[in-house]
N, C-alpha and C. Protein backbone atom coordinates (compact mmCIF):
# COMPACT_ATOMS: atom_id res chain seq x y z
N MET A 1 1.09 -0.92 -0.14
CA MET A 1 -0.04 -0.28 0.02
C MET A 1 0.65 1.19 0.16
N LYS A 2 0.42 1.89 -1.24
CA LYS A 2 0.98 3.15 -1.01
C LYS A 2 0.47 4.53 -0.47
N SER A 3 2.00 5.07 0.59
CA SER A 3 1.28 6.53 1.45
C SER A 3 1.53 7.27 0.78
N GLN A 4 0.37 8.29 0.76
CA GLN A 4 0.69 9.56 -0.23
C GLN A 4 1.56 10.26 0.48
N TYR A 5 2.14 10.51 2.44
CA TYR A 5 3.03 11.14 2.81
C TYR A 5 4.87 10.63 3.26
N VAL A 6 4.53 9.00 2.58
CA VAL A 6 6.24 8.99 3.19
C VAL A 6 6.91 9.77 2.15
N GLY A 7 7.10 9.77 1.31
CA GLY A 7 7.88 10.61 0.25
C GLY A 7 8.10 11.94 0.37
N ARG A 8 7.10 12.59 0.84
CA ARG A 8 6.74 13.94 1.34
C ARG A 8 7.79 14.05 2.85
N ILE A 9 7.07 13.44 3.67
CA ILE A 9 7.74 13.07 4.71
C ILE A 9 9.29 13.12 4.83
N LEU A 10 9.96 11.83 3.98
CA LEU A 10 11.35 11.84 4.05
C LEU A 10 12.00 12.74 3.04
N GLU A 11 11.39 13.70 2.00
CA GLU A 11 12.36 15.15 1.39
C GLU A 11 12.02 16.08 2.81
N GLY A 12 10.67 16.19 3.59
CA GLY A 12 10.58 17.51 4.65
C GLY A 12 11.65 16.65 5.77
N PHE A 13 12.09 15.57 6.15
CA PHE A 13 13.75 15.24 7.74
C PHE A 13 14.60 15.49 6.09
N CYS A 14 14.75 15.40 5.11
CA CYS A 14 16.30 15.56 4.79
C CYS A 14 16.53 17.36 4.88
N ARG A 15 15.42 18.19 4.66
CA ARG A 15 15.16 19.48 4.40
C ARG A 15 15.64 20.03 6.04
N VAL A 16 14.85 19.19 7.04
CA VAL A 16 15.09 19.83 8.53
C VAL A 16 16.64 19.44 8.88
N TYR A 17 16.77 18.78 8.77
CA TYR A 17 18.28 18.07 8.87
C TYR A 17 18.94 18.79 8.22
N GLY A 18 19.41 19.07 7.01
CA GLY A 18 20.38 20.53 6.64
C GLY A 18 19.97 21.31 7.18
N ASP A 19 18.87 22.29 7.62
CA ASP A 19 18.75 23.35 8.22
C ASP A 19 19.59 22.96 9.80
N LEU A 20 19.47 21.94 10.40
CA LEU A 20 20.59 22.05 11.73
C LEU A 20 22.00 21.98 11.29
N LYS A 21 22.37 21.22 10.61
CA LYS A 21 23.66 21.52 10.63
C LYS A 21 24.10 22.89 9.67
N ALA A 22 23.48 23.06 9.02
CA ALA A 22 23.80 24.64 8.65
C ALA A 22 23.97 25.53 9.54
N GLU A 23 23.25 25.68 10.84
CA GLU A 23 22.68 26.44 11.72
C GLU A 23 23.63 25.96 12.68
N GLY A 24 24.45 24.91 12.44
CA GLY A 24 25.83 24.39 13.73
C GLY A 24 25.27 23.69 14.23
N MET A 25 24.16 23.81 14.76
CA MET A 25 23.25 22.64 15.36
C MET A 25 23.71 21.12 15.89
N LEU A 26 24.00 20.73 14.79
CA LEU A 26 24.52 19.35 14.18
C LEU A 26 25.91 19.23 13.45
N ASP A 27 26.71 18.09 13.95
CA ASP A 27 27.67 18.16 13.31
C ASP A 27 28.12 16.47 13.07
N ASP A 28 28.73 16.31 12.11
CA ASP A 28 29.27 14.66 11.95
C ASP A 28 29.58 14.04 12.50
N THR A 29 30.50 14.81 14.14
CA THR A 29 30.73 14.07 15.21
C THR A 29 29.57 13.39 15.80
N ASP A 30 28.12 13.68 15.89
CA ASP A 30 27.69 13.96 16.36
C ASP A 30 26.58 12.21 15.95
N LEU A 31 27.22 12.01 14.72
CA LEU A 31 26.96 10.63 14.01
C LEU A 31 27.77 9.10 15.00
N ARG A 32 29.01 9.82 15.32
CA ARG A 32 29.90 8.98 16.18
C ARG A 32 29.72 8.55 17.24
N ASP A 33 28.89 9.66 17.84
CA ASP A 33 29.17 10.53 19.93
C ASP A 33 27.32 10.72 19.94
N PRO A 34 26.08 9.76 19.42
CA PRO A 34 24.95 10.46 19.73
C PRO A 34 24.60 10.83 20.62
N VAL A 35 25.77 11.26 22.09
CA VAL A 35 24.93 11.16 23.37
C VAL A 35 25.45 13.04 24.25
N LYS A 36 26.55 12.86 23.46
CA LYS A 36 27.18 14.59 23.75
C LYS A 36 26.04 15.62 23.45
N ASN A 37 24.90 15.19 21.88
CA ASN A 37 24.28 16.57 21.64
C ASN A 37 23.00 16.58 21.30
N ASN A 38 22.65 14.93 22.10
CA ASN A 38 21.09 14.84 22.40
C ASN A 38 20.44 14.20 20.45
N LEU A 39 21.53 13.75 19.86
CA LEU A 39 20.82 13.06 18.66
C LEU A 39 19.72 12.63 18.14
N HIS A 40 19.61 12.02 19.11
CA HIS A 40 18.12 10.96 19.00
C HIS A 40 16.97 12.12 18.97
N SER A 41 17.33 13.40 20.24
CA SER A 41 16.18 14.38 19.85
C SER A 41 16.01 14.66 18.86
N TRP A 42 17.12 15.27 18.85
CA TRP A 42 17.23 16.18 17.16
C TRP A 42 16.46 15.71 16.61
N LEU A 43 17.31 13.94 15.68
CA LEU A 43 16.06 13.66 14.79
C LEU A 43 14.80 12.97 14.77
N GLN A 44 14.06 13.52 16.42
CA GLN A 44 12.66 13.16 16.31
C GLN A 44 12.54 14.50 15.73
N TYR A 45 12.89 15.52 16.79
CA TYR A 45 12.14 16.63 16.15
C TYR A 45 12.36 16.85 14.58
N ALA A 46 13.54 16.48 14.30
CA ALA A 46 13.22 16.72 12.38
C ALA A 46 12.31 16.14 11.88
N LEU A 47 11.80 14.95 11.88
CA LEU A 47 10.85 13.83 11.54
C LEU A 47 9.34 14.79 12.41
N MET A 48 9.61 15.18 13.62
CA MET A 48 7.84 15.77 13.90
C MET A 48 8.12 17.17 12.68
N ARG A 49 8.42 17.39 12.69
CA ARG A 49 8.77 18.73 11.92
C ARG A 49 8.35 18.29 10.26
N ALA A 50 8.88 17.28 10.03
CA ALA A 50 8.47 17.08 8.64
C ALA A 50 6.91 16.76 8.41
N GLY A 51 6.60 15.93 9.53
CA GLY A 51 5.16 15.26 9.50
C GLY A 51 4.42 16.55 9.34
N GLU A 52 4.72 17.89 10.66
CA GLU A 52 3.76 18.69 9.89
C GLU A 52 3.81 19.33 8.83
N SER A 53 4.91 19.23 8.25
CA SER A 53 4.92 20.11 6.89
C SER A 53 3.78 19.60 6.32
N VAL A 54 3.62 18.47 6.11
CA VAL A 54 2.59 17.90 5.99
C VAL A 54 1.23 17.35 5.46
N GLY A 55 0.65 18.48 7.21
CA GLY A 55 -0.84 18.32 7.93
C GLY A 55 -0.92 17.88 9.19
N LEU A 56 0.44 16.62 9.15
CA LEU A 56 -0.10 15.59 10.04
C LEU A 56 0.09 15.88 11.67
N ARG A 57 -0.42 16.12 12.94
CA ARG A 57 -0.20 16.42 14.06
C ARG A 57 1.28 15.08 14.38
N SER A 58 2.07 15.80 14.29
CA SER A 58 2.87 14.66 15.02
C SER A 58 3.74 14.70 16.19
N VAL A 59 3.67 13.65 17.32
CA VAL A 59 3.68 13.71 18.54
C VAL A 59 4.95 12.69 19.08
N PRO A 60 5.90 13.67 20.18
CA PRO A 60 6.80 12.37 20.17
C PRO A 60 6.23 11.56 21.45
N GLU A 61 7.28 10.14 21.48
CA GLU A 61 6.99 9.57 22.68
C GLU A 61 5.77 8.91 22.89
N VAL A 62 5.08 8.40 21.94
CA VAL A 62 3.00 8.16 22.23
C VAL A 62 3.73 6.28 22.90
N LYS A 63 2.52 6.30 23.64
CA LYS A 63 2.40 4.80 24.13
C LYS A 63 0.90 4.21 23.35
N MET A 64 1.64 3.41 22.66
CA MET A 64 1.05 2.69 21.78
C MET A 64 0.09 1.60 22.45
N ARG A 65 -0.63 1.42 22.98
CA ARG A 65 -1.49 -0.30 23.57
C ARG A 65 -1.46 -0.75 22.69
N PHE A 66 -1.44 -2.64 23.48
CA PHE A 66 -1.26 -3.39 22.57
C PHE A 66 -2.93 -4.09 23.05
N SER A 67 -4.36 -4.39 22.35
CA SER A 67 -4.99 -5.56 22.84
C SER A 67 -4.92 -6.44 22.98
N THR A 68 -3.99 -7.64 22.03
CA THR A 68 -3.18 -8.77 22.24
C THR A 68 -1.66 -8.41 23.09
N PRO A 69 -1.06 -8.84 24.06
CA PRO A 69 -0.31 -8.33 24.74
C PRO A 69 1.43 -9.47 23.46
N LEU A 70 2.30 -9.03 23.30
CA LEU A 70 3.60 -9.61 22.40
C LEU A 70 3.99 -10.61 23.44
N ASP A 71 4.04 -11.60 23.64
CA ASP A 71 4.77 -12.65 24.47
C ASP A 71 5.63 -13.51 24.18
N PRO A 72 6.71 -12.93 25.04
CA PRO A 72 8.27 -13.60 23.98
C PRO A 72 8.80 -15.13 24.30
N ARG A 73 7.63 -15.62 25.43
CA ARG A 73 7.16 -16.86 26.04
C ARG A 73 6.85 -17.87 23.95
N LYS A 74 5.65 -17.51 24.28
CA LYS A 74 5.01 -18.06 23.48
C LYS A 74 5.78 -17.81 21.37
N GLU A 75 6.23 -16.24 21.21
CA GLU A 75 6.76 -15.73 20.05
C GLU A 75 8.17 -16.37 19.84
N PHE A 76 8.82 -16.41 20.61
CA PHE A 76 10.72 -16.47 20.58
C PHE A 76 10.85 -17.28 21.43
N LYS A 77 10.24 -17.98 22.36
CA LYS A 77 10.79 -19.32 23.15
C LYS A 77 12.00 -18.43 24.49
N THR A 78 12.17 -17.40 25.02
CA THR A 78 12.85 -16.75 25.38
C THR A 78 11.43 -16.04 26.64
N ASN A 79 12.26 -16.53 27.55
CA ASN A 79 11.87 -15.84 29.39
C ASN A 79 11.38 -14.17 29.04
N LYS A 80 11.70 -13.72 28.09
CA LYS A 80 11.40 -12.02 28.46
C LYS A 80 9.76 -12.05 28.90
N ALA A 81 9.81 -10.63 29.21
CA ALA A 81 8.28 -10.15 29.82
C ALA A 81 7.50 -9.87 28.62
N ASN A 82 6.26 -9.81 29.03
CA ASN A 82 5.18 -9.66 27.69
C ASN A 82 5.23 -8.19 27.70
N ARG A 83 4.90 -7.55 26.41
CA ARG A 83 5.09 -6.38 26.02
C ARG A 83 3.76 -5.84 26.06
N SER A 84 2.70 -5.32 26.99
CA SER A 84 1.41 -4.90 26.12
C SER A 84 1.40 -3.68 25.88
N PHE A 85 2.42 -2.78 25.31
CA PHE A 85 2.46 -1.81 24.49
C PHE A 85 3.63 -1.44 24.12
N SER A 86 3.86 -0.11 22.77
CA SER A 86 5.09 0.21 22.44
C SER A 86 4.93 1.32 22.66
N ARG A 87 6.09 2.34 22.94
CA ARG A 87 6.54 3.34 22.79
C ARG A 87 7.33 3.58 22.14
N VAL A 88 6.51 4.56 20.98
CA VAL A 88 7.02 4.94 19.65
C VAL A 88 8.13 6.64 19.24
N ASP A 89 8.76 6.58 19.10
CA ASP A 89 9.28 8.16 19.14
C ASP A 89 8.95 9.34 18.15
N VAL A 90 7.72 8.78 17.65
CA VAL A 90 6.96 9.63 16.78
C VAL A 90 5.77 8.65 16.28
N ALA A 91 4.54 9.41 16.62
CA ALA A 91 3.00 9.04 16.15
C ALA A 91 2.74 10.12 15.51
N PHE A 92 2.02 9.90 14.27
CA PHE A 92 1.84 10.96 13.24
C PHE A 92 0.77 10.72 13.53
N HIS A 93 -0.38 11.44 13.09
CA HIS A 93 -2.34 12.11 13.48
C HIS A 93 -2.20 12.63 12.57
N LYS A 94 -3.84 11.62 12.17
CA LYS A 94 -4.72 12.47 11.57
C LYS A 94 -6.29 12.59 12.15
N SER A 95 -6.91 13.33 11.97
CA SER A 95 -8.48 13.13 12.27
C SER A 95 -8.49 12.54 13.59
N CYS A 96 -7.48 12.85 14.64
CA CYS A 96 -7.54 12.68 15.77
C CYS A 96 -7.07 10.90 15.96
N SER A 97 -6.43 10.08 14.63
CA SER A 97 -5.72 8.63 14.63
C SER A 97 -4.75 8.56 14.50
N ILE A 98 -3.97 7.84 14.93
CA ILE A 98 -2.63 7.81 14.65
C ILE A 98 -2.60 6.50 12.93
N ILE A 99 -2.29 7.78 12.18
CA ILE A 99 -1.79 7.14 10.57
C ILE A 99 -0.91 6.31 10.38
N GLY A 100 0.10 6.57 11.51
CA GLY A 100 2.08 6.24 10.82
C GLY A 100 3.03 6.94 11.79
N ILE A 101 3.61 6.06 12.02
CA ILE A 101 5.11 6.20 13.12
C ILE A 101 6.15 5.95 12.95
N GLY A 102 7.35 6.71 13.48
CA GLY A 102 8.23 6.73 12.95
C GLY A 102 8.93 6.37 14.34
N GLU A 103 10.63 5.64 13.95
CA GLU A 103 11.33 5.27 14.20
C GLU A 103 12.68 5.59 14.99
N VAL A 104 13.37 6.79 15.21
CA VAL A 104 14.57 6.62 14.93
C VAL A 104 15.68 5.72 15.93
N ASN A 105 17.05 5.73 15.28
CA ASN A 105 18.04 5.09 15.88
C ASN A 105 19.03 5.26 15.48
N THR A 106 20.00 5.54 16.15
CA THR A 106 20.95 6.18 16.48
C THR A 106 22.35 5.02 16.66
N ILE A 107 23.83 4.89 16.64
CA ILE A 107 24.68 3.84 16.13
C ILE A 107 24.68 2.84 17.16
N ASN A 108 24.30 3.34 18.11
CA ASN A 108 24.31 1.95 19.47
C ASN A 108 23.13 0.94 19.25
N ASP A 109 22.33 1.61 18.53
CA ASP A 109 20.69 0.43 18.20
C ASP A 109 20.85 0.09 16.77
N ALA A 110 22.25 0.34 16.16
CA ALA A 110 22.17 -0.18 14.57
C ALA A 110 21.41 -1.32 14.09
N ASN A 111 21.79 -2.34 15.26
CA ASN A 111 21.84 -3.58 15.44
C ASN A 111 20.32 -4.23 15.47
N VAL A 112 19.13 -3.36 15.79
CA VAL A 112 17.87 -3.73 16.38
C VAL A 112 17.29 -3.78 14.99
N TYR A 113 17.25 -4.20 13.70
CA TYR A 113 16.63 -4.18 12.80
C TYR A 113 16.62 -5.96 12.70
N LEU A 114 17.74 -6.67 13.45
CA LEU A 114 17.56 -8.24 14.30
C LEU A 114 16.18 -8.91 14.47
N SER A 115 16.31 -9.43 14.26
CA SER A 115 14.90 -10.13 15.01
C SER A 115 14.97 -10.92 16.71
N THR A 116 14.12 -10.82 17.21
CA THR A 116 14.85 -11.86 18.38
C THR A 116 14.85 -13.18 18.23
N SER A 117 14.60 -13.64 17.50
CA SER A 117 14.33 -15.23 17.62
C SER A 117 16.34 -15.49 16.94
N ARG A 118 16.71 -14.81 16.29
CA ARG A 118 17.93 -14.86 15.39
C ARG A 118 18.61 -15.45 17.01
N TYR A 119 18.58 -14.47 18.16
CA TYR A 119 19.17 -14.42 19.36
C TYR A 119 18.90 -16.11 19.98
N VAL A 120 17.55 -16.43 20.04
CA VAL A 120 17.25 -17.53 20.74
C VAL A 120 17.98 -18.49 19.87
N ASN A 121 17.76 -18.71 18.54
CA ASN A 121 18.53 -19.96 17.59
C ASN A 121 20.31 -19.54 17.55
N ALA A 122 20.65 -18.73 18.22
CA ALA A 122 22.18 -18.91 17.94
C ALA A 122 22.66 -19.04 19.50
N GLY A 123 21.65 -19.84 20.01
CA GLY A 123 22.45 -20.65 21.61
C GLY A 123 22.20 -19.40 22.80
N MET A 124 22.25 -18.16 22.36
CA MET A 124 22.61 -17.19 23.81
C MET A 124 21.32 -16.37 24.59
N LYS A 125 22.10 -16.89 25.45
CA LYS A 125 21.34 -16.75 26.96
C LYS A 125 20.49 -14.90 27.44
N SER A 126 19.63 -15.27 27.34
CA SER A 126 18.37 -14.84 27.63
C SER A 126 18.81 -13.32 28.35
N SER A 127 20.07 -13.45 29.46
CA SER A 127 20.60 -12.33 30.02
C SER A 127 21.08 -11.38 29.53
N THR A 128 21.38 -11.79 28.03
CA THR A 128 22.87 -11.25 27.57
C THR A 128 22.01 -10.17 25.76
N PHE A 129 20.56 -10.71 26.00
CA PHE A 129 19.89 -9.77 24.66
C PHE A 129 18.43 -9.02 25.43
N THR A 130 18.34 -8.36 24.35
CA THR A 130 16.75 -7.72 24.87
C THR A 130 15.51 -8.49 23.41
N LEU A 131 14.16 -7.77 24.15
CA LEU A 131 13.16 -8.20 23.37
C LEU A 131 13.72 -6.82 22.17
N MET A 132 13.98 -7.08 20.95
CA MET A 132 14.48 -6.13 19.65
C MET A 132 12.96 -5.45 19.21
N ASP A 133 13.79 -4.30 19.32
CA ASP A 133 12.86 -3.38 18.04
C ASP A 133 11.80 -4.10 17.41
N ARG A 134 12.86 -4.50 16.98
CA ARG A 134 12.23 -4.98 15.21
C ARG A 134 11.20 -5.70 15.55
N ASP A 135 10.72 -6.84 16.06
CA ASP A 135 9.50 -7.62 16.70
C ASP A 135 8.30 -6.52 17.41
N VAL A 136 8.81 -5.46 18.12
CA VAL A 136 7.70 -4.60 18.66
C VAL A 136 7.29 -3.97 17.81
N LEU A 137 8.23 -3.64 16.91
CA LEU A 137 7.47 -2.90 15.84
C LEU A 137 6.66 -3.33 15.38
N LEU A 138 6.65 -4.74 14.77
CA LEU A 138 5.83 -5.50 13.56
C LEU A 138 4.75 -5.96 14.36
N HIS A 139 4.93 -6.08 15.77
CA HIS A 139 3.64 -6.37 16.50
C HIS A 139 2.25 -5.26 16.53
N THR A 140 3.50 -3.95 17.07
CA THR A 140 2.77 -2.85 16.51
C THR A 140 1.52 -2.79 15.63
N ILE A 141 2.29 -2.93 14.37
CA ILE A 141 1.55 -2.89 13.02
C ILE A 141 0.72 -4.14 12.99
N SER A 142 0.45 -4.81 13.31
CA SER A 142 -0.36 -6.11 13.40
C SER A 142 -1.43 -5.42 14.71
N GLU A 143 -1.47 -4.60 15.55
CA GLU A 143 -2.55 -4.33 16.74
C GLU A 143 -3.13 -3.00 15.56
N TYR A 144 -2.47 -2.36 14.82
CA TYR A 144 -2.69 -1.16 14.27
C TYR A 144 -2.92 -1.09 13.00
N ASN A 145 -4.19 -0.37 12.70
CA ASN A 145 -3.92 0.06 10.98
C ASN A 145 -3.97 0.70 10.89
N LEU A 146 -2.44 1.14 10.30
CA LEU A 146 -1.34 2.22 9.89
C LEU A 146 -1.18 2.36 8.35
N ASP A 147 -0.72 3.64 8.18
CA ASP A 147 -1.33 3.62 6.41
C ASP A 147 1.13 3.85 6.50
N PHE A 148 1.42 4.14 7.36
CA PHE A 148 3.19 3.85 7.17
C PHE A 148 4.03 4.43 8.00
N VAL A 149 5.30 3.43 7.99
CA VAL A 149 5.97 3.65 9.30
C VAL A 149 7.38 4.56 8.55
N ILE A 150 8.32 5.11 8.89
CA ILE A 150 9.57 6.17 9.04
C ILE A 150 10.58 4.80 9.47
N LEU A 151 11.86 4.91 9.45
CA LEU A 151 12.64 4.33 9.90
C LEU A 151 13.95 4.75 9.70
N VAL A 152 14.21 5.82 10.66
CA VAL A 152 15.50 6.67 10.64
C VAL A 152 16.33 5.68 11.75
N VAL A 153 17.74 5.48 10.71
CA VAL A 153 19.18 4.91 11.15
C VAL A 153 20.36 5.83 11.21
N THR A 154 21.31 6.20 12.08
CA THR A 154 22.17 6.83 11.78
C THR A 154 23.81 5.71 11.79
N LEU A 155 24.20 5.49 10.20
CA LEU A 155 25.28 4.58 9.93
C LEU A 155 26.26 5.12 9.36
N PRO A 156 27.18 5.85 10.13
CA PRO A 156 28.35 6.87 9.28
C PRO A 156 29.34 5.65 9.12
N LYS A 157 29.91 6.27 8.05
CA LYS A 157 30.71 5.17 7.35
C LYS A 157 32.11 5.62 7.99
N THR A 158 32.40 6.70 8.53
CA THR A 158 33.93 6.96 9.59
C THR A 158 34.24 5.82 10.36
N VAL A 159 32.85 4.71 11.19
CA VAL A 159 33.67 3.70 12.12
C VAL A 159 33.64 2.99 11.48
N LEU A 160 34.76 2.41 12.24
CA LEU A 160 35.34 0.91 11.32
C LEU A 160 34.53 -0.32 12.54
N LYS A 161 34.77 -0.14 13.94
CA LYS A 161 33.92 -1.27 14.50
C LYS A 161 32.53 -1.37 14.71
N VAL A 162 32.25 -1.93 14.27
CA VAL A 162 30.98 -2.20 14.63
C VAL A 162 30.31 -2.87 16.04
N PRO A 163 29.28 -1.81 16.61
CA PRO A 163 28.95 -1.64 17.76
C PRO A 163 28.17 -3.23 18.07
N TYR A 164 28.62 -3.78 19.05
CA TYR A 164 28.42 -5.27 19.99
C TYR A 164 28.58 -6.29 18.53
N SER A 165 30.11 -5.97 17.70
CA SER A 165 30.18 -6.91 16.52
C SER A 165 30.22 -8.24 17.11
N SER A 166 30.88 -8.71 18.49
CA SER A 166 31.12 -10.09 19.24
C SER A 166 29.84 -10.80 19.14
N ILE A 167 28.66 -9.97 19.16
CA ILE A 167 27.32 -10.84 19.21
C ILE A 167 26.28 -10.81 17.86
N TRP A 168 26.86 -9.55 16.83
CA TRP A 168 25.98 -9.79 15.56
C TRP A 168 26.91 -11.08 15.25
N LYS A 169 28.31 -11.43 15.66
CA LYS A 169 29.09 -12.28 14.49
C LYS A 169 28.12 -13.92 14.88
N LYS A 170 27.71 -13.57 16.11
CA LYS A 170 26.84 -14.85 17.15
C LYS A 170 25.86 -15.42 15.88
N VAL A 171 25.05 -13.98 15.93
CA VAL A 171 23.53 -14.22 15.38
C VAL A 171 23.53 -13.98 14.02
N GLU A 172 24.37 -13.58 13.26
CA GLU A 172 24.84 -13.29 12.11
C GLU A 172 25.92 -14.40 11.13
N PRO A 173 26.35 -15.72 11.56
CA PRO A 173 26.92 -16.32 10.96
C PRO A 173 28.19 -16.74 10.04
N GLU A 174 26.77 -16.22 8.87
CA GLU A 174 27.18 -16.38 7.83
C GLU A 174 27.61 -14.88 7.61
N ARG A 175 27.56 -14.14 7.81
CA ARG A 175 28.25 -12.46 7.82
C ARG A 175 29.24 -12.22 8.34
N THR A 176 29.82 -13.65 9.25
CA THR A 176 30.97 -13.39 10.45
C THR A 176 31.91 -12.80 9.37
N HIS A 177 32.82 -12.78 8.66
CA HIS A 177 33.48 -12.47 7.50
C HIS A 177 33.09 -10.91 6.70
N GLU A 178 32.01 -10.35 6.77
CA GLU A 178 31.82 -9.33 6.74
C GLU A 178 32.02 -8.02 7.40
N LEU A 179 31.37 -8.49 8.29
CA LEU A 179 31.52 -8.08 9.57
C LEU A 179 32.54 -7.08 10.19
N GLU A 180 33.63 -8.35 9.71
CA GLU A 180 35.15 -8.50 10.39
C GLU A 180 35.81 -6.94 9.44
N ASP A 181 35.10 -7.34 8.08
CA ASP A 181 36.34 -6.42 7.24
C ASP A 181 35.04 -4.85 6.72
N LYS A 182 34.00 -5.03 7.20
CA LYS A 182 33.53 -3.59 6.69
C LYS A 182 33.09 -3.07 7.72
N LYS A 183 32.54 -1.81 7.55
CA LYS A 183 32.26 -0.56 8.62
C LYS A 183 30.84 -0.97 8.61
N ILE A 184 30.84 0.47 10.03
CA ILE A 184 29.20 0.07 10.18
C ILE A 184 28.02 0.51 9.11
N GLU A 185 28.58 0.89 8.18
CA GLU A 185 26.66 1.89 7.36
C GLU A 185 27.08 0.67 6.34
N GLU A 186 28.19 0.18 5.22
CA GLU A 186 28.43 -1.31 5.19
C GLU A 186 27.63 -2.62 5.25
N ALA A 187 27.94 -2.88 6.60
CA ALA A 187 27.24 -4.20 7.48
C ALA A 187 26.49 -3.86 7.44
N ALA A 188 25.61 -2.38 8.18
CA ALA A 188 24.07 -2.79 8.11
C ALA A 188 23.21 -2.17 7.85
N ARG A 189 23.51 -1.44 6.03
CA ARG A 189 22.68 -1.08 5.63
C ARG A 189 21.91 -2.19 4.74
N PRO A 190 22.28 -3.87 4.65
CA PRO A 190 21.25 -4.53 3.86
C PRO A 190 20.30 -5.13 4.47
N GLY A 191 20.81 -4.66 6.32
CA GLY A 191 19.67 -5.70 7.32
C GLY A 191 18.74 -4.20 6.86
N TRP A 192 19.01 -2.99 7.30
CA TRP A 192 17.94 -2.40 7.27
C TRP A 192 16.89 -1.99 6.13
N LYS A 193 17.36 -2.54 5.09
CA LYS A 193 16.58 -2.71 3.60
C LYS A 193 15.77 -3.90 3.86
N GLU A 194 16.41 -4.83 4.28
CA GLU A 194 15.70 -6.24 4.01
C GLU A 194 14.18 -5.77 5.64
N PHE A 195 14.28 -5.10 7.02
CA PHE A 195 13.15 -4.77 7.62
C PHE A 195 12.43 -3.97 6.70
N LYS A 196 12.80 -3.18 5.92
CA LYS A 196 11.60 -1.92 5.48
C LYS A 196 10.69 -2.91 4.27
N GLU A 197 11.31 -3.77 3.56
CA GLU A 197 10.64 -4.89 3.14
C GLU A 197 9.77 -5.95 3.58
N VAL A 198 10.40 -6.07 4.41
CA VAL A 198 9.14 -6.65 5.77
C VAL A 198 8.37 -6.05 5.68
N ILE A 199 7.91 -4.90 6.24
CA ILE A 199 6.94 -4.13 6.99
C ILE A 199 6.13 -4.04 5.42
N GLN A 200 7.17 -3.91 4.22
CA GLN A 200 5.79 -3.34 2.93
C GLN A 200 5.27 -4.28 3.08
N LYS A 201 6.06 -6.00 2.87
CA LYS A 201 5.11 -7.02 2.92
C LYS A 201 3.83 -7.05 3.56
N ARG A 202 4.02 -6.57 5.01
CA ARG A 202 3.07 -7.09 5.76
C ARG A 202 1.51 -5.32 5.08
N GLY A 203 1.84 -5.03 4.32
CA GLY A 203 0.47 -4.24 3.18
C GLY A 203 0.73 -2.77 4.23
N VAL A 204 2.10 -2.12 4.76
CA VAL A 204 2.06 -1.10 5.17
C VAL A 204 3.05 -0.27 4.51
N ASP A 205 3.55 1.05 4.42
CA ASP A 205 3.87 1.73 3.13
C ASP A 205 5.40 1.61 4.75
N CYS A 206 6.67 2.33 3.78
CA CYS A 206 7.43 2.11 4.71
C CYS A 206 8.62 3.19 4.46
N GLY A 207 9.24 4.15 5.08
CA GLY A 207 10.65 4.74 4.36
C GLY A 207 11.57 4.49 5.41
N LEU A 208 12.35 4.54 4.68
CA LEU A 208 13.89 4.50 5.31
C LEU A 208 14.97 5.82 5.16
N ILE A 209 15.27 6.48 5.94
CA ILE A 209 16.42 7.22 5.52
C ILE A 209 17.71 6.53 6.45
N VAL A 210 18.62 6.63 6.14
CA VAL A 210 20.09 6.45 6.46
C VAL A 210 21.40 7.53 6.10
N ILE A 211 21.31 8.03 7.24
CA ILE A 211 22.32 9.01 7.71
C ILE A 211 23.87 8.86 7.63
N ASN A 212 24.75 9.33 6.73
CA ASN A 212 26.17 9.25 6.88
C ASN A 212 26.39 11.00 6.98
N GLU A 213 28.18 10.47 7.07
CA GLU A 213 28.92 11.84 6.75
C GLU A 213 28.04 12.67 5.51
N GLU A 214 27.59 12.06 4.79
CA GLU A 214 27.00 12.57 3.39
C GLU A 214 25.82 13.43 4.08
N GLY A 215 25.02 13.10 4.48
CA GLY A 215 23.52 13.55 4.88
C GLY A 215 23.05 11.95 4.92
N PRO A 216 21.29 12.84 5.19
CA PRO A 216 20.32 11.78 4.79
C PRO A 216 20.21 11.06 3.24
N SER A 217 19.71 10.11 3.50
CA SER A 217 19.65 9.44 2.22
C SER A 217 18.38 8.21 2.18
N PRO A 218 17.25 8.75 1.76
CA PRO A 218 16.21 8.19 1.63
C PRO A 218 16.01 6.80 0.69
N SER A 219 15.40 5.42 1.02
CA SER A 219 15.53 4.56 0.50
C SER A 219 13.99 4.01 0.28
């Protein structure tokens, strides 16, 4: 299902991000150290501004409750606690209804496109990983009649060490050599593109923005 909003929100986000860099509010060092300048908050702001520019009320940190809780014991055979809601980075409203959501991921969350089941199948102890955001988002899609999802992820080209690389190698053993040789931008981009396709196959339009030192790149 093609949404009338996705392309316009992607364009609006890129425009606001460019303005923030031009004003000196953001720079490329923030991509490598997102905590020092609250990068996640600025990216939320850019996403909200982009939503407002196309006529959607855009609200941060919205709690979306599930009529059927996500049960990790049943879904992934792991003893994580049930999830009865999802807190999304941005919820886009039209006529008092949420029609789309946006999620922002900085470098420390570059691997959340992976499924919880990948960790379980790799034989990792449940204490070493969380219920992955990918699965919470997919459950949210199943619970709500959404028009679209926007994914934003920062994958700086200059970062050589992949965060949590030892975990990635266990979870994605078929890519061990690739993860050792490639920078984070090259290593993670295919996984995010695959996640976008999974969302689209569920009948929800999805836009993906990958941000590196060259700026935001809509996909």
